[in-house]
């Protein structure tokens, strides 16, 4: 008997992802958080659900793959279910009152990351980095940002324009200020210490 769970988008009535192992809240939250860190589309999007499956499948590997897509339109859901909105659990049904709490989130994120293909890993430095408000950045701060491929880059804050920090990613006409892709738009950012 596995430690199973069904995970479905809150408003999806037709299909869910089945986990035979690692269905405890601590594991499910870590898988969801990893997908959020990778900036994948939300679980309620077909592409987001597929990315979730990719991450979980990489974690389990082919030797112990216990992952599937289950049709729940007929109401056959086994009575246990995590409802997800974006990458957050917003409802849980059918689990006993005691939640599994064996896995530390950061340790689980590191294990999930190490199981991904090397060129798709976020890296220990990114996962364990201090997170600060973007408002607290100053020139010279080193930040860890993902590029449009999802790769993590170590960049430096080199200026501010209209209160928005920008980094030394893409030079445009002799300045970093002129490329909109250099601006940090997130409310929080991971910094190198």
Protein backbone atom coordinates (compact mmCIF):
# COMPACT_ATOMS: atom_id res chain seq x y z
CA UNK A 1 0.00 0.00 0.00
CA UNK A 2 1.39 3.37 -0.97
CA UNK A 3 1.30 6.80 0.58
CA UNK A 4 -1.02 8.02 -2.14
CA UNK A 5 -2.84 11.15 -3.16
CA UNK A 6 -4.77 12.58 -6.05
CA UNK A 7 -3.93 16.13 -6.99
CA UNK A 8 -6.29 18.15 -9.14
CA UNK A 9 -6.84 21.74 -10.08
CA UNK A 10 -9.55 23.23 -7.90
CA UNK A 11 -12.04 23.63 -10.75
CA UNK A 12 -11.07 20.55 -12.79
CA UNK A 13 -13.76 17.87 -12.66
CA UNK A 14 -12.30 15.48 -15.23
CA UNK A 15 -8.74 14.46 -14.32
CA UNK A 16 -6.17 14.42 -11.56
CA UNK A 17 -2.56 13.39 -11.06
CA UNK A 18 -2.19 10.19 -9.05
CA UNK A 19 0.79 9.72 -6.74
CA UNK A 20 1.17 6.24 -5.28
CA UNK A 21 4.14 7.33 -3.15
CA UNK A 22 4.97 10.65 -1.52
CA UNK A 23 1.33 11.68 -1.28
CA UNK A 24 1.75 13.26 2.16
CA UNK A 25 1.19 16.99 2.42
CA UNK A 26 4.88 17.68 3.04
CA UNK A 27 5.88 15.98 -0.23
CA UNK A 28 3.00 17.33 -2.31
CA UNK A 29 3.69 20.89 -1.11
CA UNK A 30 7.38 20.47 -2.00
CA UNK A 31 6.56 19.26 -5.54
CA UNK A 32 4.17 22.18 -6.00
CA UNK A 33 6.66 24.70 -4.57
CA UNK A 34 9.40 23.41 -6.88
CA UNK A 35 7.15 23.98 -9.90
CA UNK A 36 6.38 27.47 -8.63
CA UNK A 37 10.11 28.20 -8.22
CA UNK A 38 10.67 27.04 -11.80
CA UNK A 39 7.95 29.55 -12.82
CA UNK A 40 5.91 26.94 -14.64
CA UNK A 41 2.32 27.73 -15.55
CA UNK A 42 -0.05 26.88 -12.70
CA UNK A 43 -1.34 23.37 -12.04
CA UNK A 44 -4.74 24.43 -13.38
CA UNK A 45 -3.17 24.79 -16.85
CA UNK A 46 -2.59 21.61 -18.91
CA UNK A 47 1.05 22.61 -19.47
CA UNK A 48 1.49 23.25 -15.75
CA UNK A 49 0.05 19.84 -14.89
CA UNK A 50 2.38 18.23 -17.43
CA UNK A 51 5.40 20.03 -15.90
CA UNK A 52 4.33 18.84 -12.45
CA UNK A 53 4.29 15.26 -13.80
CA UNK A 54 7.72 15.79 -15.35
CA UNK A 55 9.21 17.01 -12.06
CA UNK A 56 7.63 14.18 -10.03
CA UNK A 57 8.58 11.58 -12.65
CA UNK A 58 12.20 12.75 -12.58
CA UNK A 59 12.14 12.53 -8.79
CA UNK A 60 10.85 8.94 -8.72
CA UNK A 61 12.93 7.77 -11.68
CA UNK A 62 11.97 4.87 -13.91
CA UNK A 63 12.64 2.19 -11.29
CA UNK A 64 9.87 3.26 -8.94
CA UNK A 65 7.58 5.37 -11.07
CA UNK A 66 4.22 5.52 -9.34
CA UNK A 67 2.66 8.44 -11.12
CA UNK A 68 -0.32 8.65 -13.41
CA UNK A 69 -3.17 10.69 -14.79
CA UNK A 70 -6.55 9.54 -13.56
CA UNK A 71 -9.97 10.22 -15.03
CA UNK A 72 -12.18 11.42 -12.20
CA UNK A 73 -15.18 12.52 -14.27
CA UNK A 74 -17.08 9.43 -13.13
CA UNK A 75 -16.54 10.38 -9.48
CA UNK A 76 -13.97 7.62 -8.93
CA UNK A 77 -11.42 9.51 -6.88
CA UNK A 78 -10.81 7.11 -4.02
CA UNK A 79 -12.12 9.64 -1.51
CA UNK A 80 -8.78 11.44 -1.00
CA UNK A 81 -7.83 14.53 -2.92
CA UNK A 82 -5.69 17.67 -2.85
CA UNK A 83 -7.30 20.62 -4.59
CA UNK A 84 -4.74 23.01 -6.03
CA UNK A 85 -5.06 26.60 -7.21
CA UNK A 86 -1.95 27.82 -9.04
CA UNK A 87 0.71 25.99 -7.01
CA UNK A 88 -1.01 26.10 -3.60
CA UNK A 89 -3.09 23.42 -1.87
CA UNK A 90 -6.44 25.09 -1.21
CA UNK A 91 -8.37 22.08 0.00
CA UNK A 92 -7.76 18.56 1.20
CA UNK A 93 -10.24 15.73 1.54
CA UNK A 94 -10.12 12.14 2.73
CA UNK A 95 -6.87 12.28 4.70
CA UNK A 96 -6.71 11.42 8.39
CA UNK A 97 -6.44 14.29 10.85
CA UNK A 98 -2.70 13.72 11.29
CA UNK A 99 -0.67 15.10 8.41
CA UNK A 100 2.61 13.53 7.33
CA UNK A 101 5.36 15.89 8.38
CA UNK A 102 8.60 13.94 7.91
CA UNK A 103 10.20 16.02 5.18
CA UNK A 104 11.65 19.49 5.72
CA UNK A 105 10.62 21.72 2.78
CA UNK A 106 14.12 22.94 1.93
CA UNK A 107 15.61 19.41 2.12
CA UNK A 108 12.80 18.09 -0.07
CA UNK A 109 13.30 20.92 -2.60
CA UNK A 110 17.01 20.07 -2.78
CA UNK A 111 16.24 16.37 -3.32
CA UNK A 112 13.70 17.19 -6.04
CA UNK A 113 16.18 19.55 -7.72
CA UNK A 114 19.01 16.99 -7.66
CA UNK A 115 16.71 14.48 -9.40
CA UNK A 116 16.11 16.82 -12.36
CA UNK A 117 18.37 16.76 -15.45
CA UNK A 118 21.57 18.71 -14.68
CA UNK A 119 20.81 21.47 -17.20
CA UNK A 120 17.38 22.04 -15.62
CA UNK A 121 18.38 22.23 -11.96
CA UNK A 122 17.94 25.41 -9.96
CA UNK A 123 20.93 24.55 -7.79
CA UNK A 124 21.60 24.49 -4.06
CA UNK A 125 22.71 28.12 -4.08
CA UNK A 126 19.33 29.26 -5.47
CA UNK A 127 17.18 27.08 -3.21
CA UNK A 128 19.03 28.01 -0.01
CA UNK A 129 19.54 31.70 -0.85
CA UNK A 130 18.24 34.43 1.41
CA UNK A 131 15.03 36.00 0.10
CA UNK A 132 14.58 39.75 0.54
CA UNK A 133 12.14 42.37 -0.62
CA UNK A 134 13.16 43.93 -3.93
CA UNK A 135 12.60 47.32 -2.27
CA UNK A 136 15.63 46.61 -0.04
CA UNK A 137 18.09 46.05 -2.89
CA UNK A 138 20.98 48.43 -3.43
CA UNK A 139 23.59 48.88 -6.13
CA UNK A 140 26.21 46.15 -5.93
CA UNK A 141 23.91 43.48 -4.49
CA UNK A 142 24.28 40.08 -6.13
CA UNK A 143 20.99 38.42 -7.03
CA UNK A 144 19.99 35.04 -8.43
CA UNK A 145 17.51 35.38 -11.29
CA UNK A 146 16.15 32.96 -13.83
CA UNK A 147 16.48 33.77 -17.51
CA UNK A 148 13.77 32.98 -20.04
CA UNK A 149 15.14 29.42 -20.35
CA UNK A 150 14.70 28.91 -16.59
CA UNK A 151 18.45 28.86 -15.97
CA UNK A 152 19.66 30.62 -12.84
CA UNK A 153 22.06 33.50 -13.33
CA UNK A 154 24.16 35.29 -10.73
CA UNK A 155 23.76 38.99 -11.56
CA UNK A 156 24.56 42.34 -9.98
CA UNK A 157 22.21 45.24 -9.34
CA UNK A 158 23.82 48.08 -11.32
CA UNK A 159 21.15 50.80 -11.16
CA UNK A 160 17.62 52.00 -10.52
CA UNK A 161 15.13 53.74 -12.78
CA UNK A 162 11.80 54.98 -11.44
CA UNK A 163 12.46 52.97 -8.27
CA UNK A 164 12.95 49.70 -10.16
CA UNK A 165 16.32 47.91 -9.86
CA UNK A 166 18.06 46.60 -12.95
CA UNK A 167 20.93 44.15 -13.36
CA UNK A 168 23.89 43.58 -15.65
CA UNK A 169 22.25 40.95 -17.88
CA UNK A 170 21.91 42.43 -21.39
CA UNK A 171 23.89 45.42 -22.60
CA UNK A 172 21.90 47.67 -24.95
CA UNK A 173 23.44 50.74 -26.58
CA UNK A 174 26.24 50.75 -24.01
CA UNK A 175 23.85 50.63 -21.02
CA UNK A 176 21.94 48.06 -18.99
CA UNK A 177 19.22 50.62 -18.29
CA UNK A 178 17.83 50.49 -21.83
CA UNK A 179 16.89 46.79 -21.91
CA UNK A 180 13.57 46.03 -20.15
CA UNK A 181 14.71 42.42 -19.55
CA UNK A 182 17.26 43.69 -17.03
CA UNK A 183 14.62 45.02 -14.61
CA UNK A 184 13.60 43.00 -11.55
CA UNK A 185 9.81 42.86 -11.48
CA UNK A 186 9.30 40.38 -8.65
CA UNK A 187 8.34 41.58 -5.20
CA UNK A 188 11.00 39.35 -3.60
CA UNK A 189 14.40 38.26 -4.86
CA UNK A 190 17.04 35.70 -3.86
CA UNK A 191 20.37 37.26 -2.95
CA UNK A 192 23.88 35.85 -2.72
CA UNK A 193 25.45 36.22 0.69
